[in-house]
């Protein structure tokens, strides 16, 4: 439904961004857009996820009970505040969504297709226990339209540091500015 909604709006140019599981969803959305003949994003921006042709270097945890799942996810990825861990209601809400996300990630089956025509920019933390520099670099194989990679000091949620957030937003702004500049010049 998302790809069809994008196709129906026929607005261009646009970029697609996703972090972690969102990077995989953004990638598959872009491939779906191509399959239905819709304009592709001018760039696919992915963060905190190994290239889709790789199996993530993350233990399988979706089978754990809710409390164990949240605790293990906090250990693996960080990003879950002590406030959430100590609040039973918040933890239950998070656990349900996290369990679904982890199941999607763990059950994902990559299907080989031609590389995308749009450029890909891959971002990640240099201390992310889930994504190595090599695994981030391999997003390059998914694009014929160019590739850039930027590593930030930090873990899986590197962008929570203000300087990294500003740098990431700067990258996104530069990429988007080039896209809009091209349209203005060419269009």
Protein backbone atom coordinates (compact mmCIF):
# COMPACT_ATOMS: atom_id res chain seq x y z
CA UNK A 1 0.00 0.00 0.00
CA UNK A 2 2.84 2.48 0.69
CA UNK A 3 4.37 2.03 -2.76
CA UNK A 4 0.98 2.45 -4.40
CA UNK A 5 0.32 5.61 -2.35
CA UNK A 6 3.67 7.05 -3.43
CA UNK A 7 2.94 6.14 -7.04
CA UNK A 8 -0.49 7.79 -6.84
CA UNK A 9 0.93 11.09 -5.57
CA UNK A 10 3.42 11.28 -8.48
CA UNK A 11 5.46 13.78 -6.53
CA UNK A 12 9.13 14.00 -7.28
CA UNK A 13 11.83 14.27 -6.33
CA UNK A 14 11.94 12.48 -3.00
CA UNK A 15 14.33 10.42 -0.89
CA UNK A 16 13.64 7.43 1.34
CA UNK A 17 15.37 7.01 4.72
CA UNK A 18 15.29 4.09 7.14
CA UNK A 19 17.25 3.09 10.23
CA UNK A 20 17.83 -0.51 11.34
CA UNK A 21 14.77 -2.53 10.29
CA UNK A 22 13.55 0.70 8.67
CA UNK A 23 16.57 0.54 6.31
CA UNK A 24 15.46 -2.87 5.13
CA UNK A 25 11.88 -1.64 4.73
CA UNK A 26 13.10 1.43 2.79
CA UNK A 27 15.13 -0.85 0.51
CA UNK A 28 12.20 -3.19 -0.17
CA UNK A 29 9.88 -0.21 -0.69
CA UNK A 30 12.26 1.15 -3.32
CA UNK A 31 12.41 -2.22 -5.05
CA UNK A 32 8.60 -2.43 -4.96
CA UNK A 33 8.37 1.04 -6.54
CA UNK A 34 10.58 -0.19 -9.36
CA UNK A 35 8.47 -3.32 -9.87
CA UNK A 36 5.23 -1.33 -10.19
CA UNK A 37 6.77 1.18 -12.59
CA UNK A 38 6.72 4.09 -10.18
CA UNK A 39 9.40 6.77 -10.09
CA UNK A 40 12.20 5.77 -7.73
CA UNK A 41 13.44 7.98 -4.95
CA UNK A 42 16.30 10.19 -5.97
CA UNK A 43 18.32 8.50 -3.21
CA UNK A 44 17.91 5.63 -0.77
CA UNK A 45 19.36 6.51 2.63
CA UNK A 46 19.99 3.57 4.97
CA UNK A 47 21.32 3.54 8.50
CA UNK A 48 22.28 0.98 11.12
CA UNK A 49 21.64 -2.11 9.02
CA UNK A 50 23.88 -4.52 7.16
CA UNK A 51 23.35 -4.82 3.43
CA UNK A 52 20.20 -6.86 2.69
CA UNK A 53 22.08 -9.68 0.96
CA UNK A 54 23.80 -10.45 4.28
CA UNK A 55 22.38 -12.20 7.33
CA UNK A 56 22.51 -9.79 10.27
CA UNK A 57 25.14 -10.52 12.87
CA UNK A 58 22.52 -10.47 15.62
CA UNK A 59 21.33 -13.35 17.79
CA UNK A 60 17.77 -14.54 17.23
CA UNK A 61 15.63 -13.11 20.03
CA UNK A 62 12.04 -12.88 18.76
CA UNK A 63 11.19 -16.18 20.48
CA UNK A 64 11.99 -14.79 23.95
CA UNK A 65 9.25 -13.79 26.36
CA UNK A 66 8.52 -10.07 26.51
CA UNK A 67 10.69 -9.19 29.50
CA UNK A 68 13.65 -11.21 28.21
CA UNK A 69 13.20 -9.76 24.72
CA UNK A 70 13.31 -6.15 25.89
CA UNK A 71 16.25 -6.82 28.19
CA UNK A 72 18.23 -8.62 25.46
CA UNK A 73 17.39 -5.94 22.88
CA UNK A 74 18.59 -3.26 25.32
CA UNK A 75 21.88 -5.17 25.70
CA UNK A 76 22.32 -5.69 21.95
CA UNK A 77 21.20 -2.39 20.53
CA UNK A 78 21.00 0.07 23.40
CA UNK A 79 18.48 2.83 22.93
CA UNK A 80 15.97 1.63 25.53
CA UNK A 81 15.93 4.04 28.43
CA UNK A 82 15.95 3.02 32.07
CA UNK A 83 12.57 4.74 32.40
CA UNK A 84 11.05 2.29 29.93
CA UNK A 85 12.75 -0.70 31.53
CA UNK A 86 11.34 0.28 34.93
CA UNK A 87 7.80 1.02 33.72
CA UNK A 88 5.79 -2.18 33.25
CA UNK A 89 3.17 -0.59 30.95
CA UNK A 90 5.77 1.04 28.70
CA UNK A 91 7.78 -2.17 28.61
CA UNK A 92 4.72 -4.17 27.55
CA UNK A 93 3.97 -1.71 24.74
CA UNK A 94 7.57 -1.73 23.58
CA UNK A 95 7.86 -5.50 23.83
CA UNK A 96 4.92 -6.10 21.50
CA UNK A 97 6.30 -3.81 18.79
CA UNK A 98 9.86 -5.03 19.31
CA UNK A 99 8.82 -8.68 19.03
CA UNK A 100 7.10 -7.97 15.70
CA UNK A 101 10.10 -5.99 14.42
CA UNK A 102 12.56 -8.70 15.42
CA UNK A 103 10.43 -11.41 13.81
CA UNK A 104 10.33 -9.46 10.52
CA UNK A 105 14.08 -8.94 10.64
CA UNK A 106 14.85 -12.55 11.53
CA UNK A 107 12.52 -14.02 8.90
CA UNK A 108 13.52 -11.70 6.05
CA UNK A 109 14.60 -13.61 2.95
CA UNK A 110 16.65 -11.61 0.48
CA UNK A 111 15.74 -12.21 -3.17
CA UNK A 112 18.33 -11.18 -5.69
CA UNK A 113 17.28 -8.54 -8.20
CA UNK A 114 19.12 -6.08 -10.40
CA UNK A 115 20.79 -3.26 -8.43
CA UNK A 116 18.75 -0.09 -8.00
CA UNK A 117 19.26 2.82 -10.37
CA UNK A 118 19.13 5.36 -7.56
CA UNK A 119 22.16 6.13 -5.40
CA UNK A 120 22.43 4.69 -1.91
CA UNK A 121 23.93 6.46 1.09
CA UNK A 122 24.71 4.19 4.05
CA UNK A 123 25.28 5.50 7.58
CA UNK A 124 26.31 3.76 10.78
CA UNK A 125 28.05 3.97 14.11
CA UNK A 126 31.67 2.85 14.32
CA UNK A 127 30.90 0.88 17.50
CA UNK A 128 27.61 -0.64 16.38
CA UNK A 129 27.81 -4.26 17.57
CA UNK A 130 25.27 -5.26 14.91
CA UNK A 131 26.80 -3.73 11.76
CA UNK A 132 30.46 -3.78 10.81
CA UNK A 133 32.07 -1.32 8.42
CA UNK A 134 32.29 -4.08 5.79
CA UNK A 135 28.59 -4.96 6.19
CA UNK A 136 27.64 -1.31 5.76
CA UNK A 137 29.96 -0.96 2.76
CA UNK A 138 28.25 -3.87 0.98
CA UNK A 139 25.15 -1.72 0.39
CA UNK A 140 27.27 -0.54 -2.56
CA UNK A 141 26.32 -3.74 -4.43
CA UNK A 142 22.65 -2.71 -4.37
CA UNK A 143 23.07 0.41 -6.51
CA UNK A 144 24.13 1.32 -10.02
CA UNK A 145 23.45 4.97 -9.30
CA UNK A 146 26.31 5.72 -6.95
CA UNK A 147 27.17 5.06 -3.35
CA UNK A 148 28.43 6.92 -0.31
CA UNK A 149 29.09 5.74 3.22
CA UNK A 150 29.59 7.71 6.41
CA UNK A 151 30.56 6.23 9.77
CA UNK A 152 29.87 8.14 12.96
CA UNK A 153 31.38 7.78 16.41
CA UNK A 154 28.88 5.75 18.37
CA UNK A 155 26.78 2.63 18.62
CA UNK A 156 23.61 1.46 16.91
CA UNK A 157 21.82 4.69 17.86
CA UNK A 158 24.78 6.93 16.98
CA UNK A 159 22.43 9.78 15.97
CA UNK A 160 21.31 10.32 19.57
CA UNK A 161 24.52 12.27 20.11
CA UNK A 162 23.82 15.88 19.13
CA UNK A 163 26.93 16.28 16.97
CA UNK A 164 26.11 13.07 15.10
CA UNK A 165 22.48 14.08 14.66
CA UNK A 166 23.58 17.39 13.14
CA UNK A 167 26.10 15.66 10.88
CA UNK A 168 23.53 13.09 9.72
CA UNK A 169 20.96 15.81 9.06
CA UNK A 170 23.65 17.75 7.18
CA UNK A 171 24.31 14.71 4.97
CA UNK A 172 20.60 14.30 4.30
CA UNK A 173 20.26 18.01 3.53
CA UNK A 174 23.23 17.96 1.11
CA UNK A 175 21.88 14.90 -0.69
CA UNK A 176 18.38 16.42 -0.89
CA UNK A 177 19.73 19.81 -2.01
CA UNK A 178 21.54 18.21 -4.94
CA UNK A 179 18.32 16.51 -5.95
CA UNK A 180 16.26 19.69 -5.85
CA UNK A 181 19.02 21.65 -7.56
CA UNK A 182 19.01 19.13 -10.44
CA UNK A 183 15.27 19.50 -10.85
CA UNK A 184 15.51 23.28 -10.88
CA UNK A 185 18.32 23.25 -13.44
CA UNK A 186 16.87 20.49 -15.64
CA UNK A 187 13.23 21.05 -15.25
